[in-house]
Each structure stands twice: as C-alpha cells, then as structure tokens.
C-alpha cells in the first residue's frame, strides 16, 4: 500500500524572482569577464554565492508518504533538495488526533514539530505522538481524509 500527500509551498513567485536575479548576475559576470575586468566578475560571482546561500530555504514544501507501516515525512527546499524529516512507524505511534482535542498541558516542555507550510496554518491539523525510548516527540501535520483513512486501516491490522 502506498499513498502520498503533497503540502505545497507559500509563494513560488518569490522563488522564480530569486532564480531570475541569480541568472542575471551570472550573465553579468560572464559579460564583465569577457569585456571589462575579471575583478568585477569575481565580485559578481561572490554576490551570486551570497544570494544562493541566503535563499536555500526560501521556498519549502512537505510530502507525507505512507508505505506499509511507515509514515515518511519529507521536506523539499526550493523544489530541488529533498530531506527525510522523520520516518514514523505507525504501530509505535499514537493515533493521529485533532489539534483541537490535543491536551498541550500534558506534554509541557515537549517540542512540537510543525511539518506544514504557512499556506496551511488555518487548516485543520492533526497531531501524532511518538514515544521513543525515553523521549516523546510530537509532530503537527495537515493530513487529508484519504491519508487518515490509510493510517486507520494500517492501525487496525
């Protein structure tokens, strides 16, 4: 059984604007190297790398994927880099509960990892509580109905 849900990012126009600016800087560096001076082109290349490093996480998306008994949570940065945030074994985790039903006072001091984008802040959220050895980890997700159905079917087995 496999199912995935994609949590898209907040403003892809910013990402395309930044990419256009970076491409313009590279073109200007090439032209300045050929016609003007290599010193100016080195400065432009340094500017390019400063912009590149400062905008690594400007556009973030998430993907939730269920395979067999595992819920994989991926963070995708700038539509290029994909990183596994957490692989949750659903048999070891508590059933996803609504954020409204979640008692935050019971888990004071435990960090809640929010794995969704700003676009979904006003949507209904679910909380998965994972107890590993001596620590408790809490993940706040935006799960659609189909994904919740898959999780409940896996938990029944």
N, C-alpha and C. Protein backbone atom coordinates (compact mmCIF):
# COMPACT_ATOMS: atom_id res chain seq x y z
N UNK A 1 0.85 -1.17 0.00
CA UNK A 1 0.00 0.00 0.00
C UNK A 1 0.90 1.24 0.00
N UNK A 2 0.59 2.16 -0.86
CA UNK A 2 1.35 3.41 -0.93
C UNK A 2 0.40 4.57 -1.20
N UNK A 3 0.59 5.63 -0.44
CA UNK A 3 -0.18 6.85 -0.67
C UNK A 3 0.68 8.03 -0.26
N UNK A 4 0.56 9.14 -1.00
CA UNK A 4 1.32 10.33 -0.63
C UNK A 4 0.43 11.56 -0.70
N UNK A 5 0.77 12.52 0.14
CA UNK A 5 0.08 13.80 0.16
C UNK A 5 1.13 14.88 0.06
N UNK A 6 0.88 15.85 -0.77
CA UNK A 6 1.84 16.92 -1.02
C UNK A 6 1.34 18.21 -0.37
N UNK A 7 2.18 18.84 0.43
CA UNK A 7 1.87 20.12 1.07
C UNK A 7 2.70 21.17 0.35
N UNK A 8 2.06 21.91 -0.56
CA UNK A 8 2.82 22.84 -1.38
C UNK A 8 3.19 24.11 -0.61
N UNK A 9 4.16 24.80 -1.16
CA UNK A 9 4.71 25.98 -0.50
C UNK A 9 3.86 27.21 -0.65
N UNK A 10 4.37 28.30 -0.12
CA UNK A 10 3.55 29.50 0.02
C UNK A 10 3.64 30.48 -1.14
N UNK A 11 4.71 30.77 -1.72
CA UNK A 11 4.73 31.76 -2.80
C UNK A 11 5.82 31.42 -3.82
N UNK A 12 5.48 30.65 -4.85
CA UNK A 12 6.51 30.27 -5.83
C UNK A 12 6.99 31.44 -6.68
N UNK A 13 6.27 32.57 -6.68
CA UNK A 13 6.71 33.73 -7.46
C UNK A 13 8.02 34.28 -6.91
N UNK A 14 8.18 34.23 -5.60
CA UNK A 14 9.43 34.71 -4.99
C UNK A 14 10.59 33.84 -5.44
N UNK A 15 10.36 32.52 -5.48
CA UNK A 15 11.40 31.60 -5.92
C UNK A 15 11.82 31.89 -7.36
N UNK A 16 10.86 32.11 -8.24
CA UNK A 16 11.20 32.37 -9.63
C UNK A 16 11.90 33.73 -9.77
N UNK A 17 11.51 34.73 -8.97
CA UNK A 17 12.18 36.03 -9.00
C UNK A 17 13.64 35.90 -8.56
N UNK A 18 13.88 35.17 -7.47
CA UNK A 18 15.25 34.99 -6.97
C UNK A 18 16.09 34.23 -8.00
N UNK A 19 15.51 33.21 -8.62
CA UNK A 19 16.26 32.46 -9.65
C UNK A 19 16.59 33.35 -10.85
N UNK A 20 15.68 34.23 -11.24
CA UNK A 20 15.96 35.16 -12.34
C UNK A 20 17.07 36.13 -11.98
N UNK A 21 17.07 36.61 -10.74
CA UNK A 21 18.13 37.53 -10.29
C UNK A 21 19.48 36.82 -10.30
N UNK A 22 19.52 35.57 -9.81
CA UNK A 22 20.77 34.81 -9.80
C UNK A 22 21.27 34.57 -11.23
N UNK A 23 20.36 34.24 -12.14
CA UNK A 23 20.77 34.03 -13.54
C UNK A 23 21.28 35.33 -14.16
N UNK A 24 20.65 36.45 -13.83
CA UNK A 24 21.11 37.75 -14.32
C UNK A 24 22.50 38.08 -13.82
N UNK A 25 22.77 37.76 -12.57
CA UNK A 25 24.10 38.01 -12.02
C UNK A 25 25.15 37.17 -12.73
N UNK A 26 24.83 35.90 -13.01
CA UNK A 26 25.79 35.06 -13.74
C UNK A 26 26.05 35.57 -15.15
N UNK A 27 25.01 36.04 -15.82
CA UNK A 27 25.17 36.60 -17.17
C UNK A 27 26.02 37.87 -17.11
N UNK A 28 25.76 38.72 -16.11
CA UNK A 28 26.55 39.95 -15.96
C UNK A 28 28.00 39.62 -15.65
N UNK A 29 28.23 38.57 -14.84
CA UNK A 29 29.61 38.17 -14.51
C UNK A 29 30.34 37.68 -15.76
N UNK A 30 29.63 36.94 -16.60
CA UNK A 30 30.25 36.44 -17.84
C UNK A 30 30.59 37.59 -18.79
N UNK A 31 29.65 38.50 -18.97
CA UNK A 31 29.88 39.65 -19.86
C UNK A 31 31.00 40.54 -19.33
N UNK A 32 31.02 40.76 -18.01
CA UNK A 32 32.08 41.62 -17.45
C UNK A 32 33.45 40.94 -17.56
N UNK A 33 33.48 39.62 -17.46
CA UNK A 33 34.75 38.91 -17.61
C UNK A 33 35.29 39.03 -19.04
N UNK A 34 34.38 38.91 -20.00
CA UNK A 34 34.80 38.97 -21.41
C UNK A 34 35.19 40.39 -21.82
N UNK A 35 34.37 41.40 -21.46
CA UNK A 35 34.56 42.74 -21.99
C UNK A 35 35.22 43.74 -21.04
N UNK A 36 35.05 43.56 -19.73
CA UNK A 36 35.52 44.61 -18.83
C UNK A 36 36.71 44.15 -17.99
N UNK A 37 36.42 43.42 -16.92
CA UNK A 37 37.50 43.07 -15.99
C UNK A 37 37.13 41.79 -15.24
N UNK A 38 38.15 41.00 -14.96
CA UNK A 38 37.90 39.78 -14.21
C UNK A 38 37.60 40.09 -12.74
N UNK A 39 38.07 41.23 -12.24
CA UNK A 39 37.83 41.60 -10.85
C UNK A 39 36.34 41.86 -10.60
N UNK A 40 35.69 42.53 -11.54
CA UNK A 40 34.25 42.78 -11.41
C UNK A 40 33.49 41.45 -11.49
N UNK A 41 33.90 40.56 -12.37
CA UNK A 41 33.20 39.27 -12.50
C UNK A 41 33.38 38.43 -11.24
N UNK A 42 34.54 38.48 -10.60
CA UNK A 42 34.74 37.76 -9.34
C UNK A 42 33.81 38.32 -8.26
N UNK A 43 33.67 39.62 -8.21
CA UNK A 43 32.75 40.25 -7.25
C UNK A 43 31.31 39.82 -7.49
N UNK A 44 30.92 39.74 -8.76
CA UNK A 44 29.55 39.30 -9.09
C UNK A 44 29.34 37.83 -8.73
N UNK A 45 30.36 37.01 -8.93
CA UNK A 45 30.23 35.60 -8.57
C UNK A 45 30.13 35.44 -7.05
N UNK A 46 30.87 36.23 -6.30
CA UNK A 46 30.75 36.21 -4.83
C UNK A 46 29.34 36.65 -4.43
N UNK A 47 28.80 37.67 -5.07
CA UNK A 47 27.42 38.11 -4.81
C UNK A 47 26.42 36.99 -5.11
N UNK A 48 26.66 36.27 -6.21
CA UNK A 48 25.79 35.14 -6.56
C UNK A 48 25.77 34.09 -5.45
N UNK A 49 26.95 33.73 -4.93
CA UNK A 49 27.01 32.71 -3.89
C UNK A 49 26.40 33.20 -2.58
N UNK A 50 26.52 34.48 -2.28
CA UNK A 50 25.88 35.03 -1.08
C UNK A 50 24.36 34.92 -1.20
N UNK A 51 23.83 35.27 -2.36
CA UNK A 51 22.37 35.15 -2.58
C UNK A 51 21.95 33.68 -2.56
N UNK A 52 22.75 32.80 -3.16
CA UNK A 52 22.44 31.38 -3.19
C UNK A 52 22.34 30.81 -1.77
N UNK A 53 23.32 31.10 -0.94
CA UNK A 53 23.34 30.57 0.42
C UNK A 53 22.21 31.16 1.27
N UNK A 54 21.94 32.44 1.10
CA UNK A 54 20.91 33.07 1.92
C UNK A 54 19.49 32.66 1.52
N UNK A 55 19.32 32.09 0.34
CA UNK A 55 17.97 31.71 -0.10
C UNK A 55 17.78 30.20 -0.23
N UNK A 56 18.57 29.41 0.49
CA UNK A 56 18.44 27.96 0.38
C UNK A 56 17.06 27.47 0.83
N UNK A 57 16.48 28.10 1.84
CA UNK A 57 15.18 27.65 2.36
C UNK A 57 14.09 28.68 2.13
N UNK A 58 14.15 29.39 1.02
CA UNK A 58 13.16 30.43 0.76
C UNK A 58 11.80 29.82 0.39
N UNK A 59 11.80 28.66 -0.22
CA UNK A 59 10.56 28.03 -0.65
C UNK A 59 10.58 26.58 -0.16
N UNK A 60 9.70 26.26 0.78
CA UNK A 60 9.68 24.95 1.41
C UNK A 60 8.35 24.26 1.16
N UNK A 61 8.42 22.99 0.83
CA UNK A 61 7.23 22.15 0.66
C UNK A 61 7.43 20.89 1.48
N UNK A 62 6.33 20.20 1.78
CA UNK A 62 6.41 18.94 2.52
C UNK A 62 5.67 17.87 1.75
N UNK A 63 6.08 16.64 1.99
CA UNK A 63 5.39 15.50 1.40
C UNK A 63 5.27 14.42 2.48
N UNK A 64 4.04 13.91 2.63
CA UNK A 64 3.79 12.80 3.54
C UNK A 64 3.55 11.57 2.68
N UNK A 65 4.24 10.50 2.96
CA UNK A 65 4.07 9.27 2.20
C UNK A 65 3.90 8.08 3.12
N UNK A 66 2.92 7.23 2.80
CA UNK A 66 2.72 6.01 3.58
C UNK A 66 3.15 4.82 2.74
N UNK A 67 4.03 4.02 3.30
CA UNK A 67 4.40 2.75 2.70
C UNK A 67 4.32 1.70 3.79
N UNK A 68 3.52 0.68 3.56
CA UNK A 68 3.28 -0.40 4.51
C UNK A 68 2.90 0.17 5.88
N UNK A 69 3.83 0.15 6.83
CA UNK A 69 3.53 0.56 8.19
C UNK A 69 4.23 1.86 8.58
N UNK A 70 4.75 2.59 7.62
CA UNK A 70 5.55 3.78 7.92
C UNK A 70 4.97 5.02 7.27
N UNK A 71 5.02 6.10 8.03
CA UNK A 71 4.67 7.43 7.51
C UNK A 71 5.98 8.19 7.36
N UNK A 72 6.35 8.48 6.12
CA UNK A 72 7.58 9.22 5.84
C UNK A 72 7.23 10.68 5.62
N UNK A 73 7.96 11.56 6.29
CA UNK A 73 7.75 13.00 6.15
C UNK A 73 9.01 13.59 5.50
N UNK A 74 8.83 14.20 4.34
CA UNK A 74 9.94 14.80 3.60
C UNK A 74 9.79 16.32 3.56
N UNK A 75 10.92 17.01 3.63
CA UNK A 75 10.97 18.46 3.46
C UNK A 75 11.69 18.73 2.14
N UNK A 76 11.04 19.49 1.27
CA UNK A 76 11.60 19.79 -0.05
C UNK A 76 11.90 21.29 -0.09
N UNK A 77 13.16 21.64 -0.28
CA UNK A 77 13.59 23.04 -0.30
C UNK A 77 13.85 23.49 -1.74
N UNK A 78 13.25 24.62 -2.10
CA UNK A 78 13.44 25.23 -3.41
C UNK A 78 13.19 24.27 -4.57
N UNK A 79 12.31 23.33 -4.39
CA UNK A 79 11.93 22.33 -5.39
C UNK A 79 13.12 21.51 -5.88
N UNK A 80 14.21 21.47 -5.11
CA UNK A 80 15.40 20.75 -5.56
C UNK A 80 15.90 19.76 -4.51
N UNK A 81 16.10 20.23 -3.29
CA UNK A 81 16.67 19.38 -2.25
C UNK A 81 15.56 18.70 -1.45
N UNK A 82 15.66 17.41 -1.29
CA UNK A 82 14.66 16.61 -0.58
C UNK A 82 15.33 15.97 0.62
N UNK A 83 14.76 16.18 1.80
CA UNK A 83 15.34 15.67 3.04
C UNK A 83 14.28 14.93 3.84
N UNK A 84 14.63 13.74 4.33
CA UNK A 84 13.72 12.98 5.18
C UNK A 84 13.71 13.60 6.57
N UNK A 85 12.56 14.12 6.99
CA UNK A 85 12.43 14.73 8.31
C UNK A 85 12.28 13.64 9.36
N UNK A 86 11.35 12.70 9.11
CA UNK A 86 11.11 11.63 10.07
C UNK A 86 10.42 10.47 9.38
N UNK A 87 10.76 9.28 9.79
CA UNK A 87 10.09 8.07 9.36
C UNK A 87 9.40 7.51 10.61
N UNK A 88 8.07 7.56 10.62
CA UNK A 88 7.30 7.17 11.81
C UNK A 88 6.69 5.79 11.57
N UNK A 89 7.01 4.85 12.45
CA UNK A 89 6.34 3.55 12.41
C UNK A 89 4.98 3.72 13.07
N UNK A 90 3.93 3.52 12.30
CA UNK A 90 2.58 3.83 12.77
C UNK A 90 2.12 2.92 13.91
N UNK A 91 2.66 1.72 14.01
CA UNK A 91 2.28 0.85 15.12
C UNK A 91 2.84 1.33 16.45
N UNK A 92 3.93 2.09 16.42
CA UNK A 92 4.55 2.59 17.64
C UNK A 92 4.05 3.97 18.03
N UNK A 93 3.34 4.63 17.13
CA UNK A 93 2.84 5.98 17.40
C UNK A 93 1.38 5.92 17.82
N UNK A 94 0.95 6.96 18.50
CA UNK A 94 -0.46 7.06 18.86
C UNK A 94 -1.26 7.48 17.63
N UNK A 95 -2.55 7.20 17.66
CA UNK A 95 -3.44 7.54 16.54
C UNK A 95 -3.40 9.06 16.34
N UNK A 96 -3.39 9.53 15.09
CA UNK A 96 -3.44 10.98 14.88
C UNK A 96 -4.72 11.57 15.49
N UNK A 97 -4.54 12.59 16.30
CA UNK A 97 -5.68 13.26 16.90
C UNK A 97 -5.73 14.70 16.42
N UNK A 98 -6.91 15.25 16.45
CA UNK A 98 -7.08 16.64 16.03
C UNK A 98 -6.34 17.56 16.99
N UNK A 99 -5.83 18.65 16.46
CA UNK A 99 -5.12 19.62 17.30
C UNK A 99 -6.05 20.21 18.35
N UNK A 100 -7.35 20.30 18.02
CA UNK A 100 -8.32 20.83 18.99
C UNK A 100 -8.51 19.90 20.18
N UNK A 101 -8.37 18.59 19.97
CA UNK A 101 -8.52 17.60 21.04
C UNK A 101 -7.23 17.35 21.79
N UNK A 102 -6.13 17.89 21.32
CA UNK A 102 -4.82 17.64 21.89
C UNK A 102 -4.63 18.45 23.17
N UNK A 103 -4.23 17.80 24.25
CA UNK A 103 -4.00 18.45 25.54
C UNK A 103 -2.53 18.86 25.63
N UNK A 104 -2.26 20.13 25.35
CA UNK A 104 -0.87 20.60 25.34
C UNK A 104 -0.28 20.67 26.74
N UNK A 105 -1.11 20.84 27.75
CA UNK A 105 -0.60 20.90 29.13
C UNK A 105 0.01 19.57 29.56
N UNK A 106 -0.51 18.48 29.02
CA UNK A 106 0.01 17.16 29.38
C UNK A 106 1.44 16.96 28.88
N UNK A 107 1.79 17.63 27.79
CA UNK A 107 3.11 17.47 27.18
C UNK A 107 3.92 18.76 27.26
N UNK A 108 3.81 19.47 28.36
CA UNK A 108 4.60 20.71 28.52
C UNK A 108 6.08 20.40 28.45
N UNK A 109 6.80 21.25 27.77
CA UNK A 109 8.24 21.06 27.64
C UNK A 109 8.63 20.21 26.44
N UNK A 110 7.68 19.54 25.81
CA UNK A 110 7.96 18.74 24.64
C UNK A 110 7.80 19.61 23.40
N UNK A 111 8.80 19.60 22.56
CA UNK A 111 8.77 20.41 21.34
C UNK A 111 7.79 19.80 20.34
N UNK A 112 6.97 20.64 19.76
CA UNK A 112 6.03 20.22 18.72
C UNK A 112 6.62 20.64 17.38
N UNK A 113 6.93 19.66 16.54
CA UNK A 113 7.49 19.94 15.21
C UNK A 113 6.34 20.16 14.23
N UNK A 114 6.27 21.35 13.67
CA UNK A 114 5.23 21.68 12.69
C UNK A 114 5.77 21.36 11.30
N UNK A 115 5.16 20.40 10.64
CA UNK A 115 5.62 19.98 9.33
C UNK A 115 4.54 20.28 8.28
N UNK A 116 4.32 21.56 8.09
CA UNK A 116 3.43 22.08 7.05
C UNK A 116 3.87 23.50 6.76
N UNK A 117 3.34 24.09 5.70
CA UNK A 117 3.75 25.43 5.29
C UNK A 117 2.76 26.48 5.80
N UNK A 118 3.13 27.74 5.65
CA UNK A 118 2.29 28.86 6.10
C UNK A 118 0.91 28.84 5.44
N UNK A 119 0.86 28.32 4.24
CA UNK A 119 -0.38 28.28 3.49
C UNK A 119 -1.45 27.46 4.22
N UNK A 120 -1.03 26.50 5.04
CA UNK A 120 -1.96 25.59 5.71
C UNK A 120 -2.16 25.91 7.19
N UNK A 121 -1.75 27.10 7.64
CA UNK A 121 -1.87 27.42 9.06
C UNK A 121 -3.30 27.49 9.55
N UNK A 122 -4.24 27.82 8.69
CA UNK A 122 -5.64 27.94 9.10
C UNK A 122 -6.43 26.66 8.87
N UNK A 123 -5.80 25.61 8.36
CA UNK A 123 -6.49 24.34 8.10
C UNK A 123 -6.53 23.50 9.38
N UNK A 124 -7.37 22.46 9.35
CA UNK A 124 -7.42 21.52 10.46
C UNK A 124 -6.12 20.73 10.50
N UNK A 125 -5.57 20.62 11.70
CA UNK A 125 -4.30 19.93 11.87
C UNK A 125 -4.48 18.71 12.77
N UNK A 126 -3.60 17.74 12.59
CA UNK A 126 -3.59 16.56 13.42
C UNK A 126 -2.24 16.45 14.09
N UNK A 127 -2.24 15.75 15.22
CA UNK A 127 -1.02 15.59 16.00
C UNK A 127 -0.73 14.09 16.11
N UNK A 128 0.52 13.72 15.82
CA UNK A 128 0.97 12.35 16.03
C UNK A 128 1.99 12.37 17.15
N UNK A 129 1.75 11.56 18.17
CA UNK A 129 2.65 11.49 19.32
C UNK A 129 3.47 10.22 19.19
N UNK A 130 4.77 10.36 19.25
CA UNK A 130 5.68 9.24 19.08
C UNK A 130 6.56 9.14 20.32
N UNK A 131 6.47 8.01 20.99
CA UNK A 131 7.29 7.79 22.19
C UNK A 131 8.41 6.83 21.83
N UNK A 132 9.63 7.37 21.85
CA UNK A 132 10.83 6.58 21.54
C UNK A 132 11.72 6.54 22.77
N UNK A 133 12.04 5.37 23.21
CA UNK A 133 12.87 5.13 24.41
C UNK A 133 12.45 6.06 25.54
N UNK A 134 13.23 7.07 25.85
CA UNK A 134 12.91 7.94 26.98
C UNK A 134 12.35 9.29 26.55
N UNK A 135 12.22 9.50 25.25
CA UNK A 135 11.75 10.80 24.78
C UNK A 135 10.39 10.70 24.09
N UNK A 136 9.70 11.80 24.10
CA UNK A 136 8.42 11.91 23.41
C UNK A 136 8.56 12.99 22.35
N UNK A 137 8.17 12.66 21.12
CA UNK A 137 8.22 13.63 20.03
C UNK A 137 6.81 13.82 19.50
N UNK A 138 6.47 15.07 19.19
CA UNK A 138 5.14 15.39 18.71
C UNK A 138 5.28 16.07 17.35
N UNK A 139 4.50 15.58 16.39
CA UNK A 139 4.52 16.13 15.04
C UNK A 139 3.13 16.66 14.71
N UNK A 140 3.08 17.91 14.29
CA UNK A 140 1.83 18.55 13.89
C UNK A 140 1.77 18.53 12.37
N UNK A 141 0.73 17.87 11.84
CA UNK A 141 0.60 17.65 10.40
C UNK A 141 -0.74 18.14 9.88
N UNK A 142 -0.83 18.30 8.58
CA UNK A 142 -2.10 18.60 7.92
C UNK A 142 -2.41 17.38 7.04
N UNK A 143 -3.19 16.45 7.57
CA UNK A 143 -3.49 15.22 6.86
C UNK A 143 -4.86 15.31 6.21
N UNK A 144 -4.95 14.89 4.96
CA UNK A 144 -6.27 14.88 4.31
C UNK A 144 -7.01 13.60 4.70
N UNK A 145 -8.27 13.51 4.31
CA UNK A 145 -9.12 12.39 4.73
C UNK A 145 -8.61 11.04 4.22
N UNK A 146 -8.11 11.01 3.00
CA UNK A 146 -7.61 9.76 2.45
C UNK A 146 -6.42 9.24 3.24
N UNK A 147 -5.51 10.12 3.59
CA UNK A 147 -4.34 9.71 4.36
C UNK A 147 -4.75 9.24 5.76
N UNK A 148 -5.72 9.92 6.37
CA UNK A 148 -6.22 9.47 7.68
C UNK A 148 -6.87 8.10 7.57
N UNK A 149 -7.59 7.83 6.48
CA UNK A 149 -8.19 6.51 6.27
C UNK A 149 -7.11 5.44 6.13
N UNK A 150 -6.06 5.72 5.37
CA UNK A 150 -4.96 4.76 5.23
C UNK A 150 -4.33 4.46 6.59
N UNK A 151 -4.11 5.50 7.38
CA UNK A 151 -3.49 5.32 8.69
C UNK A 151 -4.40 4.48 9.59
N UNK A 152 -5.70 4.73 9.57
CA UNK A 152 -6.60 3.96 10.42
C UNK A 152 -6.68 2.49 9.95
N UNK A 153 -6.60 2.25 8.64
CA UNK A 153 -6.58 0.86 8.16
C UNK A 153 -5.32 0.14 8.59
N UNK A 154 -4.19 0.82 8.55
CA UNK A 154 -2.94 0.20 8.98
C UNK A 154 -2.97 -0.09 10.48
N UNK A 155 -3.54 0.82 11.25
CA UNK A 155 -3.58 0.64 12.71
C UNK A 155 -4.50 -0.51 13.10
N UNK A 156 -5.52 -0.80 12.29
CA UNK A 156 -6.43 -1.92 12.60
C UNK A 156 -5.77 -3.27 12.41
N UNK A 157 -4.82 -3.34 11.51
CA UNK A 157 -4.19 -4.63 11.20
C UNK A 157 -3.25 -5.07 12.28
